[in-house]
Amino acid sequence: MAPPRPRFDRRAPVRELPNINDRISYPNLRVVDADGSQLGVITREAALEVGKERGLDLVLVSEKADPPVCRIMDYGKFKFEQEKKAKEAKKKSHQTEVKEVKMRYKIDEHDYQVRIGQAVRFLKSGDKVKCTVIFRGREIQHTALAEQLLYRMAKDLEESAELQQEPKREGRNMIMFLGPRRVPLNKDKPEQLTKAVRTLPISAATKPAAELSHEPVSEVAPA
């Protein structure tokens, strides 16, 4: 016989309530006033009375002290500021991820601009970008065109990105890594992100990749 299925617990989860005002049960407390001045060690009832006179809350801030330490404050405002600080800290502790942008070396201009837009969004979020050119079948013989396309992308993204790894073959792909730019680009001394491709004729260097795809390209074995 199969064991009985556990019943669904419909009870609301128990929330940990803050130690403020009447929830504080210690008979004697060391109390700090709202302006930071010390009120000394007084009874719980006296501390609650001080908080009521100020129109503020009595908040337990150090339970392990002897006697426990409380502070007179606006707990709602204090909680809001703590949550705001936590959100800011979470933003600053953004975990860098590697986002990938894929394309073919014969990509048309519209699709290319779409990939540029994707890369810009990733870089502005603080992530690295892996630019990948995919080869299919005999396209693997056109690695020079893929390399040229990747350097073009690096050049187009130079205001947002730094070249971290130059284009290189990886299986049937060619990849390049870009990272978010840490130092603003000096327009007077632009970075040399474009690289001459020795396998292409000089007269063809300015042609779009889509046009070059129909021209013969000679491969040069790596040194």
Protein backbone atom coordinates (compact mmCIF):
# COMPACT_ATOMS: atom_id res chain seq x y z
CA MET A 1 0.00 0.00 0.00
CA ALA A 2 1.32 3.41 -0.94
CA PRO A 3 1.93 5.83 1.93
CA PRO A 4 -0.76 8.51 2.39
CA ARG A 5 -0.14 11.73 0.53
CA PRO A 6 0.86 14.59 2.78
CA ARG A 7 -1.91 17.09 3.37
CA PHE A 8 -1.47 20.56 1.98
CA ASP A 9 -0.68 23.00 4.77
CA ARG A 10 -3.02 25.93 4.28
CA ARG A 11 -1.63 27.86 7.21
CA ALA A 12 0.08 31.13 6.38
CA PRO A 13 3.86 31.06 6.82
CA VAL A 14 5.07 32.33 10.16
CA ARG A 15 6.64 35.74 9.78
CA GLU A 16 9.34 36.88 12.14
CA LEU A 17 7.99 40.01 13.79
CA PRO A 18 10.39 42.82 14.70
CA ASN A 19 11.29 43.35 18.35
CA ILE A 20 9.67 46.74 18.91
CA ASN A 21 7.52 48.37 21.58
CA ASP A 22 5.34 45.84 23.46
CA ARG A 23 7.16 42.88 21.90
CA ILE A 24 10.24 43.74 23.97
CA SER A 25 10.03 41.70 27.17
CA TYR A 26 13.28 42.53 29.01
CA PRO A 27 12.65 44.30 32.34
CA ASN A 28 15.64 46.67 32.07
CA LEU A 29 17.05 48.27 28.94
CA ARG A 30 19.91 50.54 27.92
CA VAL A 31 18.16 53.19 25.83
CA VAL A 32 19.55 55.51 23.16
CA ASP A 33 17.38 58.51 22.31
CA ALA A 34 16.41 59.50 18.74
CA ASP A 35 19.15 62.17 18.66
CA GLY A 36 21.83 59.66 19.72
CA SER A 37 22.04 60.76 23.34
CA GLN A 38 22.23 58.10 26.06
CA LEU A 39 19.24 57.78 28.42
CA GLY A 40 21.06 55.13 30.45
CA VAL A 41 19.60 51.94 31.91
CA ILE A 42 15.91 52.32 32.61
CA THR A 43 12.94 50.01 33.02
CA ARG A 44 10.98 48.69 30.06
CA GLU A 45 7.91 50.70 31.10
CA ALA A 46 9.90 53.93 31.32
CA ALA A 47 11.47 53.31 27.89
CA LEU A 48 8.06 52.67 26.34
CA GLU A 49 6.79 55.91 27.90
CA VAL A 50 9.68 57.88 26.41
CA GLY A 51 8.93 56.46 22.96
CA LYS A 52 5.24 57.32 23.32
CA GLU A 53 6.10 60.90 24.32
CA ARG A 54 8.32 61.28 21.23
CA GLY A 55 5.69 59.73 18.94
CA LEU A 56 8.30 57.11 17.96
CA ASP A 57 9.02 53.41 18.48
CA LEU A 58 11.21 51.59 20.94
CA VAL A 59 13.36 49.21 18.85
CA LEU A 60 15.61 46.44 20.18
CA VAL A 61 18.98 46.80 18.42
CA SER A 62 21.28 44.56 20.51
CA GLU A 63 19.66 41.64 22.27
CA LYS A 64 22.94 40.03 23.41
CA ALA A 65 24.17 43.07 25.33
CA ASP A 66 23.78 43.20 29.12
CA PRO A 67 21.34 44.83 29.53
CA PRO A 68 19.88 44.72 25.99
CA VAL A 69 20.16 47.95 24.00
CA CYS A 70 17.15 49.74 22.52
CA ARG A 71 16.82 52.87 20.45
CA ILE A 72 14.04 55.39 20.09
CA MET A 73 13.31 55.81 16.36
CA ASP A 74 10.74 55.89 13.57
CA TYR A 75 10.72 52.16 12.79
CA GLY A 76 8.80 52.55 9.51
CA LYS A 77 11.38 55.02 8.19
CA PHE A 78 14.23 52.85 9.49
CA LYS A 79 12.84 49.77 7.73
CA PHE A 80 12.40 51.69 4.45
CA GLU A 81 16.02 52.93 4.55
CA GLN A 82 17.32 49.42 5.32
CA GLU A 83 15.42 47.95 2.35
CA LYS A 84 16.71 50.74 0.10
CA LYS A 85 20.31 50.05 1.17
CA ALA A 86 19.83 46.33 0.56
CA LYS A 87 18.55 46.99 -3.00
CA GLU A 88 21.50 49.28 -3.76
CA ALA A 89 23.95 46.70 -2.42
CA LYS A 90 22.32 44.04 -4.61
CA LYS A 91 22.72 46.23 -7.69
CA LYS A 92 26.40 46.83 -6.92
CA SER A 93 27.02 43.12 -6.39
CA HIS A 94 25.84 42.25 -9.91
CA GLN A 95 27.27 38.91 -10.94
CA THR A 96 28.96 39.27 -14.30
CA GLU A 97 27.61 36.81 -16.85
CA VAL A 98 28.70 35.92 -20.37
CA LYS A 99 25.94 36.57 -22.90
CA GLU A 100 26.30 35.23 -26.43
CA VAL A 101 25.48 36.91 -29.73
CA LYS A 102 25.40 34.48 -32.68
CA MET A 103 25.46 35.24 -36.40
CA ARG A 104 26.59 33.98 -39.81
CA TYR A 105 29.41 35.62 -41.73
CA LYS A 106 26.91 36.40 -44.55
CA ILE A 107 24.60 38.31 -42.17
CA ASP A 108 22.61 41.15 -43.74
CA GLU A 109 22.83 44.72 -42.44
CA HIS A 110 19.49 44.72 -40.59
CA ASP A 111 20.26 41.53 -38.67
CA TYR A 112 23.75 42.82 -37.96
CA GLN A 113 22.33 45.98 -36.35
CA VAL A 114 20.00 43.80 -34.27
CA ARG A 115 23.04 41.91 -32.95
CA ILE A 116 24.76 45.22 -32.19
CA GLY A 117 21.72 46.34 -30.18
CA GLN A 118 21.71 43.08 -28.22
CA ALA A 119 25.40 43.42 -27.42
CA VAL A 120 24.95 47.03 -26.25
CA ARG A 121 22.19 45.97 -23.83
CA PHE A 122 24.33 43.18 -22.41
CA LEU A 123 27.33 45.48 -21.99
CA LYS A 124 25.29 48.20 -20.27
CA SER A 125 24.07 45.54 -17.81
CA GLY A 126 27.70 44.85 -16.91
CA ASP A 127 27.92 41.50 -18.68
CA LYS A 128 30.57 40.21 -21.05
CA VAL A 129 29.61 39.40 -24.63
CA LYS A 130 30.72 36.34 -26.57
CA CYS A 131 30.42 37.12 -30.27
CA THR A 132 30.12 33.90 -32.26
CA VAL A 133 30.18 33.40 -36.03
CA ILE A 134 28.75 29.99 -36.96
CA PHE A 135 29.99 28.05 -39.99
CA ARG A 136 27.87 25.48 -41.79
CA GLY A 137 29.21 22.94 -44.25
CA ARG A 138 31.77 24.43 -46.64
CA GLU A 139 31.43 27.88 -45.07
CA ILE A 140 34.36 26.90 -42.84
CA GLN A 141 36.67 27.95 -45.68
CA HIS A 142 35.60 31.59 -45.19
CA THR A 143 37.16 32.14 -41.76
CA ALA A 144 38.81 35.33 -43.00
CA LEU A 145 35.42 36.90 -43.67
CA ALA A 146 34.20 35.87 -40.23
CA GLU A 147 37.29 37.42 -38.65
CA GLN A 148 36.69 40.63 -40.60
CA LEU A 149 33.05 40.72 -39.43
CA LEU A 150 34.04 40.28 -35.78
CA TYR A 151 36.59 43.09 -35.95
CA ARG A 152 33.94 45.27 -37.53
CA MET A 153 31.63 44.51 -34.59
CA ALA A 154 34.37 45.34 -32.10
CA LYS A 155 34.92 48.65 -33.90
CA ASP A 156 31.20 49.48 -33.92
CA LEU A 157 30.96 48.72 -30.19
CA GLU A 158 34.17 50.45 -29.10
CA GLU A 159 32.33 53.18 -27.16
CA SER A 160 30.66 50.54 -24.96
CA ALA A 161 33.12 47.65 -25.10
CA GLU A 162 36.74 46.66 -24.71
CA LEU A 163 38.21 43.83 -26.73
CA GLN A 164 39.14 41.10 -24.25
CA GLN A 165 39.89 38.24 -26.62
CA GLU A 166 40.58 38.64 -30.32
CA PRO A 167 38.74 36.46 -32.85
CA LYS A 168 39.89 32.84 -32.93
CA ARG A 169 38.68 29.52 -34.36
CA GLU A 170 36.91 27.19 -31.96
CA GLY A 171 35.64 24.06 -33.69
CA ARG A 172 33.22 25.13 -36.43
CA ASN A 173 32.82 28.57 -34.90
CA MET A 174 34.88 31.73 -34.64
CA ILE A 175 34.54 33.59 -31.35
CA MET A 176 35.53 36.92 -29.85
CA PHE A 177 35.00 38.25 -26.31
CA LEU A 178 34.07 41.83 -25.42
CA GLY A 179 33.79 43.31 -21.94
CA PRO A 180 32.11 46.49 -20.65
CA ARG A 181 34.31 49.55 -21.18
CA ARG A 182 35.76 50.73 -17.86
CA VAL A 183 37.61 53.78 -19.19
CA PRO A 184 35.87 56.25 -21.55
CA LEU A 185 37.12 56.04 -25.11
CA ASN A 186 39.65 58.72 -26.03
CA LYS A 187 38.39 60.06 -29.35
CA ASP A 188 41.77 61.67 -30.06
CA LYS A 189 43.49 58.27 -29.82
CA PRO A 190 40.99 55.64 -31.01
CA GLU A 191 41.83 52.05 -30.19
CA GLN A 192 43.06 49.84 -33.02
CA LEU A 193 40.26 47.32 -33.02
CA THR A 194 40.29 46.65 -36.74
CA LYS A 195 42.85 44.20 -37.96
CA ALA A 196 44.07 43.74 -41.52
CA VAL A 197 43.17 40.36 -42.92
CA ARG A 198 46.09 39.17 -44.97
CA THR A 199 44.02 36.60 -46.83
CA LEU A 200 41.94 39.28 -48.59
CA PRO A 201 43.00 41.43 -51.56
CA ILE A 202 43.49 45.09 -50.60
CA SER A 203 40.88 46.20 -53.14
CA ALA A 204 38.25 43.95 -51.48
CA ALA A 205 38.87 45.09 -47.91
CA THR A 206 36.15 47.72 -48.03
CA LYS A 207 33.43 45.48 -49.51
CA PRO A 208 30.59 44.17 -47.28
CA ALA A 209 30.83 40.60 -46.09
CA ALA A 210 27.71 39.65 -48.06
CA GLU A 211 29.38 40.64 -51.34
CA LEU A 212 32.68 39.00 -50.47
CA SER A 213 30.97 35.69 -49.78
CA HIS A 214 30.81 35.05 -53.53
CA GLU A 215 34.50 35.73 -54.16
CA PRO A 216 37.20 33.07 -53.75
CA VAL A 217 39.19 33.40 -50.53
CA SER A 218 42.54 31.75 -50.02
CA GLU A 219 43.38 30.39 -46.62
CA VAL A 220 46.76 30.89 -45.01
CA ALA A 221 47.89 28.16 -42.64
CA PRO A 222 48.70 29.47 -39.14
CA ALA A 223 52.37 29.94 -38.44
